[in-house]
Amino acid sequence: MGGLFSSPKVPKVPQETLDAQKRAEEKAAAQEREQMRQISARKKSRRTGGVRLLMGDPTAAEDKDTLGS
């Protein structure tokens, strides 16, 4: 009758399960950071894209071969 009045014991979670859960959380956080970085890069390119096109890229002009040179 001693089991009727005692509280139930919580089974221990295996360390492998805890490690797998931690790895999954870290992976999800890394993916979220990468997505935020990509979004901010897109926003930045939209803001500065017009200026970049107007100014031109001097290195791109050097790479092109023209007929006269």
N, C-alpha and C. Protein backbone atom coordinates (compact mmCIF):
# COMPACT_ATOMS: atom_id res chain seq x y z
N MET A 1 0.81 -1.19 0.00
CA MET A 1 0.00 0.00 0.00
C MET A 1 0.86 1.27 0.00
N GLY A 2 2.16 1.10 0.12
CA GLY A 2 3.03 2.26 0.16
C GLY A 2 3.05 3.01 -1.17
N GLY A 3 2.76 2.34 -2.28
CA GLY A 3 2.78 2.96 -3.58
C GLY A 3 1.59 3.86 -3.84
N LEU A 4 0.55 3.73 -3.09
CA LEU A 4 -0.64 4.53 -3.30
C LEU A 4 -0.45 5.99 -2.90
N PHE A 5 0.36 6.23 -1.90
CA PHE A 5 0.48 7.57 -1.38
C PHE A 5 1.74 8.31 -1.82
N SER A 6 2.63 7.65 -2.53
CA SER A 6 3.87 8.31 -2.98
C SER A 6 3.67 8.90 -4.38
N SER A 7 4.42 9.95 -4.67
CA SER A 7 4.29 10.57 -5.99
C SER A 7 5.05 9.74 -7.02
N PRO A 8 4.58 9.72 -8.26
CA PRO A 8 5.26 8.93 -9.27
C PRO A 8 6.62 9.53 -9.63
N LYS A 9 7.57 8.67 -9.93
CA LYS A 9 8.92 9.10 -10.28
C LYS A 9 8.97 9.39 -11.79
N VAL A 10 9.64 10.48 -12.17
CA VAL A 10 9.80 10.85 -13.57
C VAL A 10 11.01 10.08 -14.10
N PRO A 11 10.84 9.36 -15.21
CA PRO A 11 11.98 8.61 -15.74
C PRO A 11 13.05 9.57 -16.28
N LYS A 12 14.32 9.16 -16.17
CA LYS A 12 15.42 9.98 -16.65
C LYS A 12 15.43 9.95 -18.18
N VAL A 13 15.72 11.09 -18.77
CA VAL A 13 15.82 11.19 -20.21
C VAL A 13 17.25 10.81 -20.61
N PRO A 14 17.41 9.92 -21.58
CA PRO A 14 18.76 9.52 -21.98
C PRO A 14 19.56 10.73 -22.51
N GLN A 15 20.86 10.70 -22.26
CA GLN A 15 21.74 11.80 -22.68
C GLN A 15 21.74 11.94 -24.21
N GLU A 16 21.61 10.84 -24.94
CA GLU A 16 21.58 10.89 -26.40
C GLU A 16 20.41 11.73 -26.89
N THR A 17 19.28 11.59 -26.23
CA THR A 17 18.09 12.35 -26.61
C THR A 17 18.30 13.83 -26.34
N LEU A 18 18.92 14.16 -25.22
CA LEU A 18 19.19 15.56 -24.89
C LEU A 18 20.18 16.16 -25.89
N ASP A 19 21.21 15.40 -26.25
CA ASP A 19 22.19 15.88 -27.22
C ASP A 19 21.55 16.10 -28.59
N ALA A 20 20.71 15.17 -29.01
CA ALA A 20 20.04 15.29 -30.31
C ALA A 20 19.12 16.52 -30.32
N GLN A 21 18.43 16.74 -29.23
CA GLN A 21 17.53 17.90 -29.14
C GLN A 21 18.33 19.20 -29.19
N LYS A 22 19.47 19.23 -28.51
CA LYS A 22 20.31 20.43 -28.50
C LYS A 22 20.86 20.70 -29.90
N ARG A 23 21.31 19.65 -30.60
CA ARG A 23 21.81 19.82 -31.96
C ARG A 23 20.72 20.34 -32.89
N ALA A 24 19.51 19.82 -32.74
CA ALA A 24 18.40 20.25 -33.58
C ALA A 24 18.06 21.72 -33.32
N GLU A 25 18.10 22.14 -32.06
CA GLU A 25 17.83 23.54 -31.72
C GLU A 25 18.91 24.45 -32.30
N GLU A 26 20.17 24.03 -32.21
CA GLU A 26 21.27 24.83 -32.75
C GLU A 26 21.16 24.94 -34.27
N LYS A 27 20.79 23.84 -34.91
CA LYS A 27 20.64 23.85 -36.37
C LYS A 27 19.50 24.78 -36.78
N ALA A 28 18.40 24.74 -36.06
CA ALA A 28 17.26 25.62 -36.37
C ALA A 28 17.65 27.08 -36.17
N ALA A 29 18.41 27.37 -35.11
CA ALA A 29 18.84 28.75 -34.86
C ALA A 29 19.79 29.22 -35.96
N ALA A 30 20.67 28.34 -36.42
CA ALA A 30 21.60 28.71 -37.49
C ALA A 30 20.85 28.97 -38.80
N GLN A 31 19.85 28.15 -39.08
CA GLN A 31 19.05 28.36 -40.29
C GLN A 31 18.29 29.69 -40.21
N GLU A 32 17.78 30.00 -39.05
CA GLU A 32 17.04 31.25 -38.88
C GLU A 32 17.98 32.45 -39.06
N ARG A 33 19.20 32.36 -38.50
CA ARG A 33 20.17 33.44 -38.68
C ARG A 33 20.54 33.60 -40.16
N GLU A 34 20.71 32.49 -40.86
CA GLU A 34 21.06 32.55 -42.28
C GLU A 34 19.92 33.17 -43.09
N GLN A 35 18.70 32.82 -42.78
CA GLN A 35 17.57 33.42 -43.48
C GLN A 35 17.48 34.92 -43.22
N MET A 36 17.71 35.34 -41.99
CA MET A 36 17.68 36.77 -41.67
C MET A 36 18.81 37.50 -42.39
N ARG A 37 19.98 36.87 -42.50
CA ARG A 37 21.09 37.47 -43.21
C ARG A 37 20.77 37.63 -44.69
N GLN A 38 20.15 36.61 -45.28
CA GLN A 38 19.77 36.69 -46.69
C GLN A 38 18.72 37.78 -46.92
N ILE A 39 17.76 37.89 -46.03
CA ILE A 39 16.73 38.92 -46.17
C ILE A 39 17.35 40.30 -46.07
N SER A 40 18.24 40.50 -45.11
CA SER A 40 18.86 41.82 -44.97
C SER A 40 19.77 42.12 -46.16
N ALA A 41 20.41 41.11 -46.74
CA ALA A 41 21.24 41.33 -47.93
C ALA A 41 20.37 41.74 -49.11
N ARG A 42 19.21 41.12 -49.25
CA ARG A 42 18.29 41.49 -50.33
C ARG A 42 17.80 42.92 -50.16
N LYS A 43 17.46 43.29 -48.93
CA LYS A 43 17.00 44.66 -48.67
C LYS A 43 18.10 45.66 -48.98
N LYS A 44 19.32 45.34 -48.58
CA LYS A 44 20.44 46.24 -48.83
C LYS A 44 20.70 46.38 -50.32
N SER A 45 20.62 45.29 -51.06
CA SER A 45 20.88 45.36 -52.49
C SER A 45 19.78 46.16 -53.20
N ARG A 46 18.57 46.10 -52.71
CA ARG A 46 17.49 46.88 -53.31
C ARG A 46 17.71 48.38 -53.08
N ARG A 47 18.23 48.72 -51.90
CA ARG A 47 18.49 50.12 -51.58
C ARG A 47 19.65 50.68 -52.40
N THR A 48 20.73 49.91 -52.53
CA THR A 48 21.94 50.43 -53.17
C THR A 48 22.06 49.98 -54.62
N GLY A 49 21.14 49.20 -55.12
CA GLY A 49 21.23 48.68 -56.48
C GLY A 49 21.24 49.77 -57.52
N GLY A 50 20.41 50.81 -57.36
CA GLY A 50 20.34 51.89 -58.33
C GLY A 50 21.64 52.67 -58.40
N VAL A 51 22.23 52.94 -57.26
CA VAL A 51 23.48 53.69 -57.22
C VAL A 51 24.58 52.86 -57.87
N ARG A 52 24.60 51.60 -57.62
CA ARG A 52 25.63 50.73 -58.17
C ARG A 52 25.51 50.67 -59.69
N LEU A 53 24.30 50.62 -60.20
CA LEU A 53 24.12 50.56 -61.65
C LEU A 53 24.51 51.88 -62.31
N LEU A 54 24.21 53.00 -61.67
CA LEU A 54 24.56 54.29 -62.24
C LEU A 54 26.06 54.54 -62.22
N MET A 55 26.69 54.16 -61.15
CA MET A 55 28.12 54.42 -61.01
C MET A 55 28.93 53.49 -61.91
N GLY A 56 28.48 52.30 -62.11
CA GLY A 56 29.23 51.34 -62.92
C GLY A 56 30.33 50.69 -62.11
N ASP A 57 30.74 49.53 -62.53
CA ASP A 57 31.79 48.79 -61.84
C ASP A 57 33.05 48.87 -62.70
N PRO A 58 34.08 49.56 -62.23
CA PRO A 58 35.28 49.71 -63.05
C PRO A 58 35.98 48.38 -63.33
N THR A 59 35.87 47.42 -62.43
CA THR A 59 36.52 46.14 -62.67
C THR A 59 35.81 45.37 -63.77
N ALA A 60 34.50 45.53 -63.90
CA ALA A 60 33.76 44.84 -64.95
C ALA A 60 34.14 45.38 -66.31
N ALA A 61 34.44 46.68 -66.41
CA ALA A 61 34.82 47.27 -67.69
C ALA A 61 36.19 46.75 -68.12
N GLU A 62 37.08 46.48 -67.20
CA GLU A 62 38.41 45.97 -67.52
C GLU A 62 38.36 44.53 -68.00
N ASP A 63 37.42 43.78 -67.53
CA ASP A 63 37.32 42.37 -67.89
C ASP A 63 36.83 42.17 -69.32
N LYS A 64 36.10 43.09 -69.85
CA LYS A 64 35.54 42.95 -71.18
C LYS A 64 36.61 43.24 -72.23
N ASP A 65 36.66 42.43 -73.25
CA ASP A 65 37.57 42.67 -74.37
C ASP A 65 36.81 43.39 -75.46
N THR A 66 37.39 44.43 -75.97
CA THR A 66 36.76 45.14 -77.08
C THR A 66 37.51 44.80 -78.36
N LEU A 67 36.92 45.10 -79.47
CA LEU A 67 37.53 44.73 -80.75
C LEU A 67 38.79 45.52 -81.03
N GLY A 68 38.89 46.74 -80.63
CA GLY A 68 40.04 47.59 -80.98
C GLY A 68 41.25 47.37 -80.10
N SER A 69 41.17 46.64 -79.03
CA SER A 69 42.33 46.53 -78.16
C SER A 69 42.87 45.15 -77.98
